[in-house]
Amino acid sequence: MNRYIKWLTVLLLIIAVLPSCAGKPEVGIKEDVVYDRPMPELETEYTLGPGDVIEIIYHFNPKPDTKEYIISVGDIVAVEFAYHPEVSRELTVSPDGTIVMPKKGPVKTLGLTTVQLQEKLEELYSKEFIDPVVTVTMIQYNRTIDRLKDAIKTAVRGESKISPVRPDGYLSLPVIPDVLAGGRTVPELREVVQGEYQKQVDNMTVSVLLEQMKANLVYIFGEVNLPNMFLMQQNWTVSQLVASAGGLKITAEPETVLVISRDKKRRPWARLVNLENILYDGDLSQDIVLNQYDIVYVPKSNIARRNIWVQQYIENMIPRSLISNYDLGGQAFGGTLIETGGTIYSD
């Protein structure tokens, strides 16, 4: 009888304590609330990364070029010697930027104007002939534009080229060398691509469009149900990222969520977000807008850390043989277990 009185007393005590253990309600507002403060945001431009798909649109200008023409690969030039016709030739500029002249071999031609090439050949042959007179005439030119147009003529939307950023961060485009895109913004990439094409093609400009965004990544780990990296189609807030990660675990400490960003000078910048206030009060003014490559860490609560400490330094260090008689999981309290009709008694 005394045993049942003890159990009844314990049960009544538990019932009395349970309401206080429930804590505060899950939502802290009782009526509609409007907050005037905006969400904090770090304004940074999107930087390109591996997997991003870039479209280069080419704009050819039909207006006459007022600059002197620069000889490029594939051009055909006529080199004529006034008093030595046997040396005159029609030559094609080879891929290495040279033409092969009689008795002199390869002569560097790429990047020169016709006048500069004439002067170079007159000086080169001055040891062979007395006061040689050379005339250089363009037979076929702008061959680079022809090759470029051939490379982009199959584009669905006209004269453009769609190319993904490779894992090494580089972009492969027709005619010009590979261009580093990773770590650059779209305007920065356009400036670089435009500069490379201007070295070889006159009367042309380019537009750079971000066709597919694959590097707008954020990372979350710690006490969430689905720690992972996530691709943002648009900038998320911390609460939106936590929701995408399956929400918080019961062991999470929502009041000190750590967000690590990079400022405009790419220096690490750490901030704390009180997710408890955001979800309890509905005040999104405290909800940080995330940027590309941000890292979010949700720490363990104090009681979760204490449980780990107890498990590591008490439970795991005491031999099982010493605590087997007091193992609550096995329902043993120091005596022999006797099961009768679904009820366990201890002697």
C-alpha atoms as a PDB file:
ATOM      1  CA  MET A   1       0.000   0.000   0.000  1.00  0.00           C
ATOM      2  CA  ASN A   2       2.820   2.382   0.910  1.00  0.00           C
ATOM      3  CA  ARG A   3       4.353   1.718  -2.505  1.00  0.00           C
ATOM      4  CA  TYR A   4       1.200   2.842  -4.329  1.00  0.00           C
ATOM      5  CA  ILE A   5       0.918   5.959  -2.145  1.00  0.00           C
ATOM      6  CA  LYS A   6       4.510   6.857  -3.110  1.00  0.00           C
ATOM      7  CA  TRP A   7       3.804   6.361  -6.828  1.00  0.00           C
ATOM      8  CA  LEU A   8       0.605   8.437  -6.570  1.00  0.00           C
ATOM      9  CA  THR A   9       2.528  11.222  -4.831  1.00  0.00           C
ATOM     10  CA  VAL A  10       5.189  11.234  -7.550  1.00  0.00           C
ATOM     11  CA  LEU A  11       2.493  11.282 -10.252  1.00  0.00           C
ATOM     12  CA  LEU A  12       0.722  14.256  -8.671  1.00  0.00           C
ATOM     13  CA  LEU A  13       4.045  16.087  -8.377  1.00  0.00           C
ATOM     14  CA  ILE A  14       4.781  15.528 -12.060  1.00  0.00           C
ATOM     15  CA  ILE A  15       1.330  16.820 -13.028  1.00  0.00           C
ATOM     16  CA  ALA A  16       1.911  19.939 -10.922  1.00  0.00           C
ATOM     17  CA  VAL A  17       5.332  20.632 -12.475  1.00  0.00           C
ATOM     18  CA  LEU A  18       4.421  19.975 -16.122  1.00  0.00           C
ATOM     19  CA  PRO A  19       2.676  23.339 -16.792  1.00  0.00           C
ATOM     20  CA  SER A  20       5.748  25.253 -15.655  1.00  0.00           C
ATOM     21  CA  CYS A  21       7.976  23.087 -17.860  1.00  0.00           C
ATOM     22  CA  ALA A  22       5.945  23.968 -20.930  1.00  0.00           C
ATOM     23  CA  GLY A  23       7.534  27.437 -20.922  1.00  0.00           C
ATOM     24  CA  LYS A  24       6.285  30.385 -22.951  1.00  0.00           C
ATOM     25  CA  PRO A  25       3.978  29.928 -25.939  1.00  0.00           C
ATOM     26  CA  GLU A  26       5.497  29.306 -29.377  1.00  0.00           C
ATOM     27  CA  VAL A  27       4.268  32.668 -30.734  1.00  0.00           C
ATOM     28  CA  GLY A  28       4.722  35.846 -28.707  1.00  0.00           C
ATOM     29  CA  ILE A  29       2.238  38.197 -30.393  1.00  0.00           C
ATOM     30  CA  LYS A  30      -1.506  38.257 -29.738  1.00  0.00           C
ATOM     31  CA  GLU A  31      -2.551  40.690 -32.476  1.00  0.00           C
ATOM     32  CA  ASP A  32      -1.319  42.005 -35.836  1.00  0.00           C
ATOM     33  CA  VAL A  33       1.975  43.884 -35.566  1.00  0.00           C
ATOM     34  CA  VAL A  34       3.706  46.015 -38.225  1.00  0.00           C
ATOM     35  CA  TYR A  35       7.470  46.596 -37.889  1.00  0.00           C
ATOM     36  CA  ASP A  36       9.004  49.647 -39.546  1.00  0.00           C
ATOM     37  CA  ARG A  37      12.629  48.566 -39.385  1.00  0.00           C
ATOM     38  CA  PRO A  38      13.925  47.031 -42.648  1.00  0.00           C
ATOM     39  CA  MET A  39      15.807  43.753 -42.811  1.00  0.00           C
ATOM     40  CA  PRO A  40      19.587  44.188 -42.562  1.00  0.00           C
ATOM     41  CA  GLU A  41      21.300  43.561 -45.874  1.00  0.00           C
ATOM     42  CA  LEU A  42      24.884  43.585 -47.135  1.00  0.00           C
ATOM     43  CA  GLU A  43      24.911  44.840 -50.706  1.00  0.00           C
ATOM     44  CA  THR A  44      27.396  42.877 -52.791  1.00  0.00           C
ATOM     45  CA  GLU A  45      27.436  42.088 -56.496  1.00  0.00           C
ATOM     46  CA  TYR A  46      27.127  38.491 -57.576  1.00  0.00           C
ATOM     47  CA  THR A  47      30.467  36.925 -58.462  1.00  0.00           C
ATOM     48  CA  LEU A  48      30.651  34.266 -61.134  1.00  0.00           C
ATOM     49  CA  GLY A  49      31.725  30.751 -60.296  1.00  0.00           C
ATOM     50  CA  PRO A  50      32.020  27.217 -61.757  1.00  0.00           C
ATOM     51  CA  GLY A  51      28.795  25.997 -63.344  1.00  0.00           C
ATOM     52  CA  ASP A  52      27.416  29.433 -64.170  1.00  0.00           C
ATOM     53  CA  VAL A  53      26.297  29.645 -67.801  1.00  0.00           C
ATOM     54  CA  ILE A  54      27.296  32.814 -69.662  1.00  0.00           C
ATOM     55  CA  GLU A  55      25.918  34.146 -72.937  1.00  0.00           C
ATOM     56  CA  ILE A  56      28.105  36.462 -75.019  1.00  0.00           C
ATOM     57  CA  ILE A  57      26.177  38.532 -77.574  1.00  0.00           C
ATOM     58  CA  TYR A  58      28.238  40.006 -80.427  1.00  0.00           C
ATOM     59  CA  HIS A  59      27.398  43.374 -81.960  1.00  0.00           C
ATOM     60  CA  PHE A  60      29.127  44.085 -85.282  1.00  0.00           C
ATOM     61  CA  ASN A  61      29.358  47.747 -86.267  1.00  0.00           C
ATOM     62  CA  PRO A  62      29.072  48.314 -90.056  1.00  0.00           C
ATOM     63  CA  LYS A  63      30.527  51.847 -89.887  1.00  0.00           C
ATOM     64  CA  PRO A  64      33.919  52.471 -91.560  1.00  0.00           C
ATOM     65  CA  ASP A  65      36.884  52.102 -89.256  1.00  0.00           C
ATOM     66  CA  THR A  66      38.914  55.293 -88.943  1.00  0.00           C
ATOM     67  CA  LYS A  67      41.850  53.436 -87.408  1.00  0.00           C
ATOM     68  CA  GLU A  68      44.609  51.787 -89.383  1.00  0.00           C
ATOM     69  CA  TYR A  69      43.925  48.132 -89.975  1.00  0.00           C
ATOM     70  CA  ILE A  70      45.901  45.724 -87.804  1.00  0.00           C
ATOM     71  CA  ILE A  71      47.047  42.561 -89.555  1.00  0.00           C
ATOM     72  CA  SER A  72      45.638  39.410 -87.944  1.00  0.00           C
ATOM     73  CA  VAL A  73      45.847  35.645 -88.356  1.00  0.00           C
ATOM     74  CA  GLY A  74      44.431  34.364 -91.657  1.00  0.00           C
ATOM     75  CA  ASP A  75      44.812  37.639 -93.537  1.00  0.00           C
ATOM     76  CA  ILE A  76      46.306  37.458 -97.030  1.00  0.00           C
ATOM     77  CA  VAL A  77      48.802  40.189 -97.930  1.00  0.00           C
ATOM     78  CA  ALA A  78      50.575  41.027-101.178  1.00  0.00           C
ATOM     79  CA  VAL A  79      54.232  41.977-100.637  1.00  0.00           C
ATOM     80  CA  GLU A  80      55.699  43.690-103.738  1.00  0.00           C
ATOM     81  CA  PHE A  81      59.305  44.814-104.270  1.00  0.00           C
ATOM     82  CA  ALA A  82      59.510  47.646-106.821  1.00  0.00           C
ATOM     83  CA  TYR A  83      62.864  46.652-108.314  1.00  0.00           C
ATOM     84  CA  HIS A  84      63.002  42.984-107.354  1.00  0.00           C
ATOM     85  CA  PRO A  85      59.786  41.299-108.547  1.00  0.00           C
ATOM     86  CA  GLU A  86      61.269  37.859-108.025  1.00  0.00           C
ATOM     87  CA  VAL A  87      60.869  38.363-104.251  1.00  0.00           C
ATOM     88  CA  SER A  88      57.261  39.574-104.457  1.00  0.00           C
ATOM     89  CA  ARG A  89      54.688  37.224-102.902  1.00  0.00           C
ATOM     90  CA  GLU A  90      51.055  36.816-101.807  1.00  0.00           C
ATOM     91  CA  LEU A  91      51.231  35.353 -98.327  1.00  0.00           C
ATOM     92  CA  THR A  92      48.802  34.205 -95.645  1.00  0.00           C
ATOM     93  CA  VAL A  93      49.435  35.132 -92.006  1.00  0.00           C
ATOM     94  CA  SER A  94      49.940  31.810 -90.240  1.00  0.00           C
ATOM     95  CA  PRO A  95      48.398  30.900 -86.860  1.00  0.00           C
ATOM     96  CA  ASP A  96      51.640  31.902 -85.140  1.00  0.00           C
ATOM     97  CA  GLY A  97      51.303  35.421 -86.620  1.00  0.00           C
ATOM     98  CA  THR A  98      54.106  35.210 -89.184  1.00  0.00           C
ATOM     99  CA  ILE A  99      54.612  35.238 -92.951  1.00  0.00           C
ATOM    100  CA  VAL A 100      57.486  33.370 -94.607  1.00  0.00           C
ATOM    101  CA  MET A 101      59.689  35.609 -96.775  1.00  0.00           C
ATOM    102  CA  PRO A 102      62.303  34.415 -99.292  1.00  0.00           C
ATOM    103  CA  LYS A 103      65.820  34.222 -97.816  1.00  0.00           C
ATOM    104  CA  LYS A 104      64.563  35.514 -94.453  1.00  0.00           C
ATOM    105  CA  GLY A 105      62.161  32.852 -93.246  1.00  0.00           C
ATOM    106  CA  PRO A 106      59.309  33.648 -90.786  1.00  0.00           C
ATOM    107  CA  VAL A 107      58.696  37.341 -90.195  1.00  0.00           C
ATOM    108  CA  LYS A 108      56.489  38.450 -87.269  1.00  0.00           C
ATOM    109  CA  THR A 109      53.452  40.194 -88.756  1.00  0.00           C
ATOM    110  CA  LEU A 110      50.610  39.922 -86.275  1.00  0.00           C
ATOM    111  CA  GLY A 111      49.628  43.261 -84.708  1.00  0.00           C
ATOM    112  CA  LEU A 112      51.354  45.422 -87.342  1.00  0.00           C
ATOM    113  CA  THR A 113      49.751  47.866 -89.770  1.00  0.00           C
ATOM    114  CA  THR A 114      50.585  47.622 -93.486  1.00  0.00           C
ATOM    115  CA  VAL A 115      52.885  50.654 -93.176  1.00  0.00           C
ATOM    116  CA  GLN A 116      54.704  49.124 -90.211  1.00  0.00           C
ATOM    117  CA  LEU A 117      55.157  45.849 -92.114  1.00  0.00           C
ATOM    118  CA  GLN A 118      56.529  47.732 -95.150  1.00  0.00           C
ATOM    119  CA  GLU A 119      59.091  49.521 -92.991  1.00  0.00           C
ATOM    120  CA  LYS A 120      60.054  46.261 -91.280  1.00  0.00           C
ATOM    121  CA  LEU A 121      60.609  44.463 -94.597  1.00  0.00           C
ATOM    122  CA  GLU A 122      62.596  47.369 -96.094  1.00  0.00           C
ATOM    123  CA  GLU A 123      64.914  47.322 -93.105  1.00  0.00           C
ATOM    124  CA  LEU A 124      65.140  43.536 -93.178  1.00  0.00           C
ATOM    125  CA  TYR A 125      66.111  43.443 -96.884  1.00  0.00           C
ATOM    126  CA  SER A 126      68.406  46.474 -96.779  1.00  0.00           C
ATOM    127  CA  LYS A 127      71.365  44.105 -96.540  1.00  0.00           C
ATOM    128  CA  GLU A 128      70.231  42.248 -99.652  1.00  0.00           C
ATOM    129  CA  PHE A 129      69.195  45.195-101.838  1.00  0.00           C
ATOM    130  CA  ILE A 130      70.135  48.850-102.079  1.00  0.00           C
ATOM    131  CA  ASP A 131      67.302  51.055-100.839  1.00  0.00           C
ATOM    132  CA  PRO A 132      64.538  48.456-101.339  1.00  0.00           C
ATOM    133  CA  VAL A 133      61.041  49.815-101.930  1.00  0.00           C
ATOM    134  CA  VAL A 134      58.304  47.557-100.539  1.00  0.00           C
ATOM    135  CA  THR A 135      54.537  47.884-100.877  1.00  0.00           C
ATOM    136  CA  VAL A 136      52.165  45.810 -98.716  1.00  0.00           C
ATOM    137  CA  THR A 137      48.551  45.477 -99.866  1.00  0.00           C
ATOM    138  CA  MET A 138      45.733  43.706 -98.079  1.00  0.00           C
ATOM    139  CA  ILE A 139      44.171  41.079-100.373  1.00  0.00           C
ATOM    140  CA  GLN A 140      41.849  39.447 -97.838  1.00  0.00           C
ATOM    141  CA  TYR A 141      41.410  40.781 -94.344  1.00  0.00           C
ATOM    142  CA  ASN A 142      39.091  40.698 -91.350  1.00  0.00           C
ATOM    143  CA  ARG A 143      39.416  36.935 -91.522  1.00  0.00           C
ATOM    144  CA  THR A 144      39.114  36.820 -87.747  1.00  0.00           C
ATOM    145  CA  ILE A 145      35.596  38.214 -88.024  1.00  0.00           C
ATOM    146  CA  ASP A 146      34.795  35.565 -90.634  1.00  0.00           C
ATOM    147  CA  ARG A 147      36.011  32.813 -88.318  1.00  0.00           C
ATOM    148  CA  LEU A 148      34.120  34.331 -85.422  1.00  0.00           C
ATOM    149  CA  LYS A 149      30.892  34.552 -87.416  1.00  0.00           C
ATOM    150  CA  ASP A 150      31.301  30.945 -88.516  1.00  0.00           C
ATOM    151  CA  ALA A 151      31.658  29.922 -84.869  1.00  0.00           C
ATOM    152  CA  ILE A 152      28.486  31.710 -83.735  1.00  0.00           C
ATOM    153  CA  LYS A 153      26.222  31.425 -86.773  1.00  0.00           C
ATOM    154  CA  THR A 154      24.424  28.349 -85.351  1.00  0.00           C
ATOM    155  CA  ALA A 155      23.256  30.209 -82.221  1.00  0.00           C
ATOM    156  CA  VAL A 156      19.493  30.039 -81.678  1.00  0.00           C
ATOM    157  CA  ARG A 157      19.189  33.705 -80.727  1.00  0.00           C
ATOM    158  CA  GLY A 158      21.441  35.178 -83.383  1.00  0.00           C
ATOM    159  CA  GLU A 159      25.102  36.052 -83.142  1.00  0.00           C
ATOM    160  CA  SER A 160      25.861  34.850 -79.636  1.00  0.00           C
ATOM    161  CA  LYS A 161      27.784  32.177 -77.788  1.00  0.00           C
ATOM    162  CA  ILE A 162      26.637  30.298 -74.681  1.00  0.00           C
ATOM    163  CA  SER A 163      29.388  28.807 -72.574  1.00  0.00           C
ATOM    164  CA  PRO A 164      29.585  27.456 -68.988  1.00  0.00           C
ATOM    165  CA  VAL A 165      32.262  28.512 -66.539  1.00  0.00           C
ATOM    166  CA  ARG A 166      34.627  25.560 -66.204  1.00  0.00           C
ATOM    167  CA  PRO A 167      35.633  24.067 -62.821  1.00  0.00           C
ATOM    168  CA  ASP A 168      38.912  25.987 -63.060  1.00  0.00           C
ATOM    169  CA  GLY A 169      36.942  29.249 -63.373  1.00  0.00           C
ATOM    170  CA  TYR A 170      37.783  29.887 -67.033  1.00  0.00           C
ATOM    171  CA  LEU A 171      35.475  30.543 -69.974  1.00  0.00           C
ATOM    172  CA  SER A 172      36.150  29.264 -73.509  1.00  0.00           C
ATOM    173  CA  LEU A 173      35.133  31.623 -76.338  1.00  0.00           C
ATOM    174  CA  PRO A 174      35.783  31.700 -80.098  1.00  0.00           C
ATOM    175  CA  VAL A 175      38.961  33.293 -81.494  1.00  0.00           C
ATOM    176  CA  ILE A 176      40.323  34.701 -78.196  1.00  0.00           C
ATOM    177  CA  PRO A 177      42.271  32.884 -75.437  1.00  0.00           C
ATOM    178  CA  ASP A 178      40.383  31.441 -72.449  1.00  0.00           C
ATOM    179  CA  VAL A 179      39.163  34.152 -70.076  1.00  0.00           C
ATOM    180  CA  LEU A 180      39.064  33.912 -66.267  1.00  0.00           C
ATOM    181  CA  ALA A 181      35.423  34.399 -65.188  1.00  0.00           C
ATOM    182  CA  GLY A 182      35.457  32.956 -61.668  1.00  0.00           C
ATOM    183  CA  GLY A 183      35.510  35.608 -58.960  1.00  0.00           C
ATOM    184  CA  ARG A 184      34.504  38.385 -61.356  1.00  0.00           C
ATOM    185  CA  THR A 185      31.194  40.186 -61.653  1.00  0.00           C
ATOM    186  CA  VAL A 186      29.309  40.284 -64.952  1.00  0.00           C
ATOM    187  CA  PRO A 187      30.432  43.887 -65.739  1.00  0.00           C
ATOM    188  CA  GLU A 188      34.051  42.963 -64.943  1.00  0.00           C
ATOM    189  CA  LEU A 189      33.863  39.938 -67.242  1.00  0.00           C
ATOM    190  CA  ARG A 190      32.392  42.035 -70.049  1.00  0.00           C
ATOM    191  CA  GLU A 191      35.286  44.489 -69.799  1.00  0.00           C
ATOM    192  CA  VAL A 192      37.851  41.694 -70.025  1.00  0.00           C
ATOM    193  CA  VAL A 193      36.120  39.917 -72.932  1.00  0.00           C
ATOM    194  CA  GLN A 194      35.691  43.204 -74.806  1.00  0.00           C
ATOM    195  CA  GLY A 195      39.387  43.982 -74.356  1.00  0.00           C
ATOM    196  CA  GLU A 196      40.459  40.587 -75.702  1.00  0.00           C
ATOM    197  CA  TYR A 197      38.280  40.890 -78.791  1.00  0.00           C
ATOM    198  CA  GLN A 198      39.431  44.435 -79.490  1.00  0.00           C
ATOM    199  CA  LYS A 199      42.953  43.098 -79.886  1.00  0.00           C
ATOM    200  CA  GLN A 200      41.852  41.105 -82.925  1.00  0.00           C
ATOM    201  CA  VAL A 201      38.522  42.441 -84.203  1.00  0.00           C
ATOM    202  CA  ASP A 202      37.602  46.041 -85.010  1.00  0.00           C
ATOM    203  CA  ASN A 203      34.096  47.488 -85.060  1.00  0.00           C
ATOM    204  CA  MET A 204      32.634  44.985 -82.604  1.00  0.00           C
ATOM    205  CA  THR A 205      31.298  45.148 -79.051  1.00  0.00           C
ATOM    206  CA  VAL A 206      29.964  42.426 -76.774  1.00  0.00           C
ATOM    207  CA  SER A 207      27.230  42.085 -74.166  1.00  0.00           C
ATOM    208  CA  VAL A 208      27.567  39.570 -71.327  1.00  0.00           C
ATOM    209  CA  LEU A 209      24.472  37.952 -69.813  1.00  0.00           C
ATOM    210  CA  LEU A 210      24.208  35.513 -66.912  1.00  0.00           C
ATOM    211  CA  GLU A 211      22.072  32.782 -68.467  1.00  0.00           C
ATOM    212  CA  GLN A 212      22.047  30.312 -65.559  1.00  0.00           C
ATOM    213  CA  MET A 213      23.189  30.931 -62.003  1.00  0.00           C
ATOM    214  CA  LYS A 214      24.826  27.881 -60.400  1.00  0.00           C
ATOM    215  CA  ALA A 215      27.317  29.400 -57.952  1.00  0.00           C
ATOM    216  CA  ASN A 216      24.929  31.406 -55.728  1.00  0.00           C
ATOM    217  CA  LEU A 217      25.539  29.019 -52.843  1.00  0.00           C
ATOM    218  CA  VAL A 218      25.040  29.309 -49.086  1.00  0.00           C
ATOM    219  CA  TYR A 219      26.027  26.779 -46.442  1.00  0.00           C
ATOM    220  CA  ILE A 220      24.311  25.767 -43.214  1.00  0.00           C
ATOM    221  CA  PHE A 221      25.367  23.239 -40.599  1.00  0.00           C
ATOM    222  CA  GLY A 222      24.978  22.561 -36.909  1.00  0.00           C
ATOM    223  CA  GLU A 223      21.654  21.811 -35.242  1.00  0.00           C
ATOM    224  CA  VAL A 224      19.392  21.702 -38.298  1.00  0.00           C
ATOM    225  CA  ASN A 225      17.710  18.649 -39.738  1.00  0.00           C
ATOM    226  CA  LEU A 226      19.240  18.905 -43.232  1.00  0.00           C
ATOM    227  CA  PRO A 227      22.704  20.514 -43.044  1.00  0.00           C
ATOM    228  CA  ASN A 228      23.930  21.122 -46.576  1.00  0.00           C
ATOM    229  CA  MET A 229      24.760  23.737 -49.200  1.00  0.00           C
ATOM    230  CA  PHE A 230      21.839  25.351 -51.002  1.00  0.00           C
ATOM    231  CA  LEU A 231      21.547  27.155 -54.337  1.00  0.00           C
ATOM    232  CA  MET A 232      19.680  30.456 -53.996  1.00  0.00           C
ATOM    233  CA  GLN A 233      17.748  31.604 -57.054  1.00  0.00           C
ATOM    234  CA  GLN A 234      17.396  34.864 -55.162  1.00  0.00           C
ATOM    235  CA  ASN A 235      18.815  36.053 -51.864  1.00  0.00           C
ATOM    236  CA  TRP A 236      17.323  34.332 -48.823  1.00  0.00           C
ATOM    237  CA  THR A 237      17.172  35.379 -45.197  1.00  0.00           C
ATOM    238  CA  VAL A 238      18.512  33.288 -42.327  1.00  0.00           C
ATOM    239  CA  SER A 239      15.031  32.047 -41.407  1.00  0.00           C
ATOM    240  CA  GLN A 240      14.341  31.027 -45.014  1.00  0.00           C
ATOM    241  CA  LEU A 241      17.599  29.076 -45.155  1.00  0.00           C
ATOM    242  CA  VAL A 242      16.787  27.330 -41.860  1.00  0.00           C
ATOM    243  CA  ALA A 243      13.378  26.386 -43.262  1.00  0.00           C
ATOM    244  CA  SER A 244      15.039  24.975 -46.401  1.00  0.00           C
ATOM    245  CA  ALA A 245      17.330  22.954 -44.145  1.00  0.00           C
ATOM    246  CA  GLY A 246      14.355  21.206 -42.542  1.00  0.00           C
ATOM    247  CA  GLY A 247      14.064  23.461 -39.517  1.00  0.00           C
ATOM    248  CA  LEU A 248      15.843  23.419 -36.163  1.00  0.00           C
ATOM    249  CA  LYS A 249      16.567  20.343 -34.114  1.00  0.00           C
ATOM    250  CA  ILE A 250      15.266  20.169 -30.553  1.00  0.00           C
ATOM    251  CA  THR A 251      18.886  20.527 -29.421  1.00  0.00           C
ATOM    252  CA  ALA A 252      19.378  23.874 -31.226  1.00  0.00           C
ATOM    253  CA  GLU A 253      20.092  27.230 -29.582  1.00  0.00           C
ATOM    254  CA  PRO A 254      18.164  29.695 -31.812  1.00  0.00           C
ATOM    255  CA  GLU A 255      19.226  32.806 -29.912  1.00  0.00           C
ATOM    256  CA  THR A 256      22.857  32.759 -31.118  1.00  0.00           C
ATOM    257  CA  VAL A 257      22.874  31.707 -34.782  1.00  0.00           C
ATOM    258  CA  LEU A 258      26.229  32.631 -36.350  1.00  0.00           C
ATOM    259  CA  VAL A 259      26.395  34.102 -39.876  1.00  0.00           C
ATOM    260  CA  ILE A 260      29.790  34.496 -41.570  1.00  0.00           C
ATOM    261  CA  SER A 261      29.817  36.765 -44.632  1.00  0.00           C
ATOM    262  CA  ARG A 262      32.377  38.699 -46.655  1.00  0.00           C
ATOM    263  CA  ASP A 263      32.299  42.481 -46.867  1.00  0.00           C
ATOM    264  CA  LYS A 264      32.968  44.521 -50.013  1.00  0.00           C
ATOM    265  CA  LYS A 265      36.718  44.078 -49.461  1.00  0.00           C
ATOM    266  CA  ARG A 266      36.163  40.290 -49.161  1.00  0.00           C
ATOM    267  CA  ARG A 267      37.101  40.282 -45.474  1.00  0.00           C
ATOM    268  CA  PRO A 268      35.295  37.760 -43.202  1.00  0.00           C
ATOM    269  CA  TRP A 269      32.485  39.377 -41.239  1.00  0.00           C
ATOM    270  CA  ALA A 270      30.693  37.467 -38.465  1.00  0.00           C
ATOM    271  CA  ARG A 271      27.278  38.422 -37.053  1.00  0.00           C
ATOM    272  CA  LEU A 272      24.848  36.885 -34.560  1.00  0.00           C
ATOM    273  CA  VAL A 273      21.176  36.432 -35.374  1.00  0.00           C
ATOM    274  CA  ASN A 274      18.559  35.880 -32.671  1.00  0.00           C
ATOM    275  CA  LEU A 275      16.266  33.508 -34.523  1.00  0.00           C
ATOM    276  CA  GLU A 276      14.179  33.165 -31.378  1.00  0.00           C
ATOM    277  CA  ASN A 277      13.069  36.808 -31.620  1.00  0.00           C
ATOM    278  CA  ILE A 278      12.353  36.488 -35.334  1.00  0.00           C
ATOM    279  CA  LEU A 279      10.149  33.411 -34.993  1.00  0.00           C
ATOM    280  CA  TYR A 280       8.623  34.336 -31.624  1.00  0.00           C
ATOM    281  CA  ASP A 281       7.847  38.007 -32.257  1.00  0.00           C
ATOM    282  CA  GLY A 282       7.623  37.926 -36.068  1.00  0.00           C
ATOM    283  CA  ASP A 283      10.115  40.802 -36.321  1.00  0.00           C
ATOM    284  CA  LEU A 284      11.899  40.224 -39.645  1.00  0.00           C
ATOM    285  CA  SER A 285      13.962  43.385 -39.170  1.00  0.00           C
ATOM    286  CA  GLN A 286      16.428  41.131 -37.350  1.00  0.00           C
ATOM    287  CA  ASP A 287      16.480  38.576 -40.167  1.00  0.00           C
ATOM    288  CA  ILE A 288      19.732  39.047 -42.119  1.00  0.00           C
ATOM    289  CA  VAL A 289      19.581  38.800 -45.915  1.00  0.00           C
ATOM    290  CA  LEU A 290      22.194  36.262 -46.976  1.00  0.00           C
ATOM    291  CA  ASN A 291      24.727  36.756 -49.745  1.00  0.00           C
ATOM    292  CA  GLN A 292      26.641  34.378 -51.963  1.00  0.00           C
ATOM    293  CA  TYR A 293      28.891  31.901 -50.105  1.00  0.00           C
ATOM    294  CA  ASP A 294      27.582  32.908 -46.641  1.00  0.00           C
ATOM    295  CA  ILE A 295      28.011  30.316 -43.890  1.00  0.00           C
ATOM    296  CA  VAL A 296      25.327  29.814 -41.215  1.00  0.00           C
ATOM    297  CA  TYR A 297      26.016  27.815 -38.049  1.00  0.00           C
ATOM    298  CA  VAL A 298      23.291  26.855 -35.577  1.00  0.00           C
ATOM    299  CA  PRO A 299      24.885  25.924 -32.220  1.00  0.00           C
ATOM    300  CA  LYS A 300      23.716  23.428 -29.617  1.00  0.00           C
ATOM    301  CA  SER A 301      21.730  24.579 -26.615  1.00  0.00           C
ATOM    302  CA  ASN A 302      23.303  24.583 -23.143  1.00  0.00           C
ATOM    303  CA  ILE A 303      21.365  21.517 -22.056  1.00  0.00           C
ATOM    304  CA  ALA A 304      22.390  19.647 -25.220  1.00  0.00           C
ATOM    305  CA  ARG A 305      26.057  20.427 -24.522  1.00  0.00           C
ATOM    306  CA  ARG A 306      25.632  19.258 -20.920  1.00  0.00           C
ATOM    307  CA  ASN A 307      24.066  16.012 -22.106  1.00  0.00           C
ATOM    308  CA  ILE A 308      27.080  15.406 -24.358  1.00  0.00           C
ATOM    309  CA  TRP A 309      29.424  16.146 -21.448  1.00  0.00           C
ATOM    310  CA  VAL A 310      27.585  13.694 -19.212  1.00  0.00           C
ATOM    311  CA  GLN A 311      27.665  11.033 -21.911  1.00  0.00           C
ATOM    312  CA  GLN A 312      31.367  11.496 -22.718  1.00  0.00           C
ATOM    313  CA  TYR A 313      32.808  12.006 -19.238  1.00  0.00           C
ATOM    314  CA  ILE A 314      30.443  10.031 -17.026  1.00  0.00           C
ATOM    315  CA  GLU A 315      28.509   7.353 -18.890  1.00  0.00           C
ATOM    316  CA  ASN A 316      31.302   6.365 -21.291  1.00  0.00           C
ATOM    317  CA  MET A 317      34.016   6.375 -18.596  1.00  0.00           C
ATOM    318  CA  ILE A 318      32.246   4.254 -15.975  1.00  0.00           C
ATOM    319  CA  PRO A 319      32.453   0.492 -16.655  1.00  0.00           C
ATOM    320  CA  ARG A 320      29.083  -0.927 -17.658  1.00  0.00           C
ATOM    321  CA  SER A 321      29.428  -3.674 -15.053  1.00  0.00           C
ATOM    322  CA  LEU A 322      29.373  -1.078 -12.266  1.00  0.00           C
ATOM    323  CA  ILE A 323      26.147   0.589 -13.355  1.00  0.00           C
ATOM    324  CA  SER A 324      24.214  -2.344 -14.816  1.00  0.00           C
ATOM    325  CA  ASN A 325      22.101  -2.720 -11.693  1.00  0.00           C
ATOM    326  CA  TYR A 326      21.104   0.930 -11.970  1.00  0.00           C
ATOM    327  CA  ASP A 327      20.457   1.068 -15.679  1.00  0.00           C
ATOM    328  CA  LEU A 328      17.163   2.882 -16.114  1.00  0.00           C
ATOM    329  CA  GLY A 329      16.999   1.776 -19.732  1.00  0.00           C
ATOM    330  CA  GLY A 330      16.976  -1.852 -18.587  1.00  0.00           C
ATOM    331  CA  GLN A 331      14.607  -1.048 -15.696  1.00  0.00           C
ATOM    332  CA  ALA A 332      16.948  -2.626 -13.140  1.00  0.00           C
ATOM    333  CA  PHE A 333      17.241  -1.073  -9.693  1.00  0.00           C
ATOM    334  CA  GLY A 334      19.557  -3.388  -7.885  1.00  0.00           C
ATOM    335  CA  GLY A 335      17.507  -6.542  -7.550  1.00  0.00           C
ATOM    336  CA  THR A 336      16.093  -9.393  -9.636  1.00  0.00           C
ATOM    337  CA  LEU A 337      13.462  -8.504 -12.215  1.00  0.00           C
ATOM    338  CA  ILE A 338      10.268 -10.543 -12.057  1.00  0.00           C
ATOM    339  CA  GLU A 339       7.673 -10.078 -14.802  1.00  0.00           C
ATOM    340  CA  THR A 340       4.124 -11.190 -14.076  1.00  0.00           C
ATOM    341  CA  GLY A 341       1.207 -10.311 -16.329  1.00  0.00           C
ATOM    342  CA  GLY A 342       2.984  -7.370 -17.906  1.00  0.00           C
ATOM    343  CA  THR A 343       3.953  -5.899 -14.478  1.00  0.00           C
ATOM    344  CA  ILE A 344       7.585  -5.795 -13.362  1.00  0.00           C
ATOM    345  CA  TYR A 345       8.355  -6.315  -9.683  1.00  0.00           C
ATOM    346  CA  SER A 346      11.698  -6.051  -7.949  1.00  0.00           C
ATOM    347  CA  ASP A 347      12.657  -8.068  -4.904  1.00  0.00           C
END
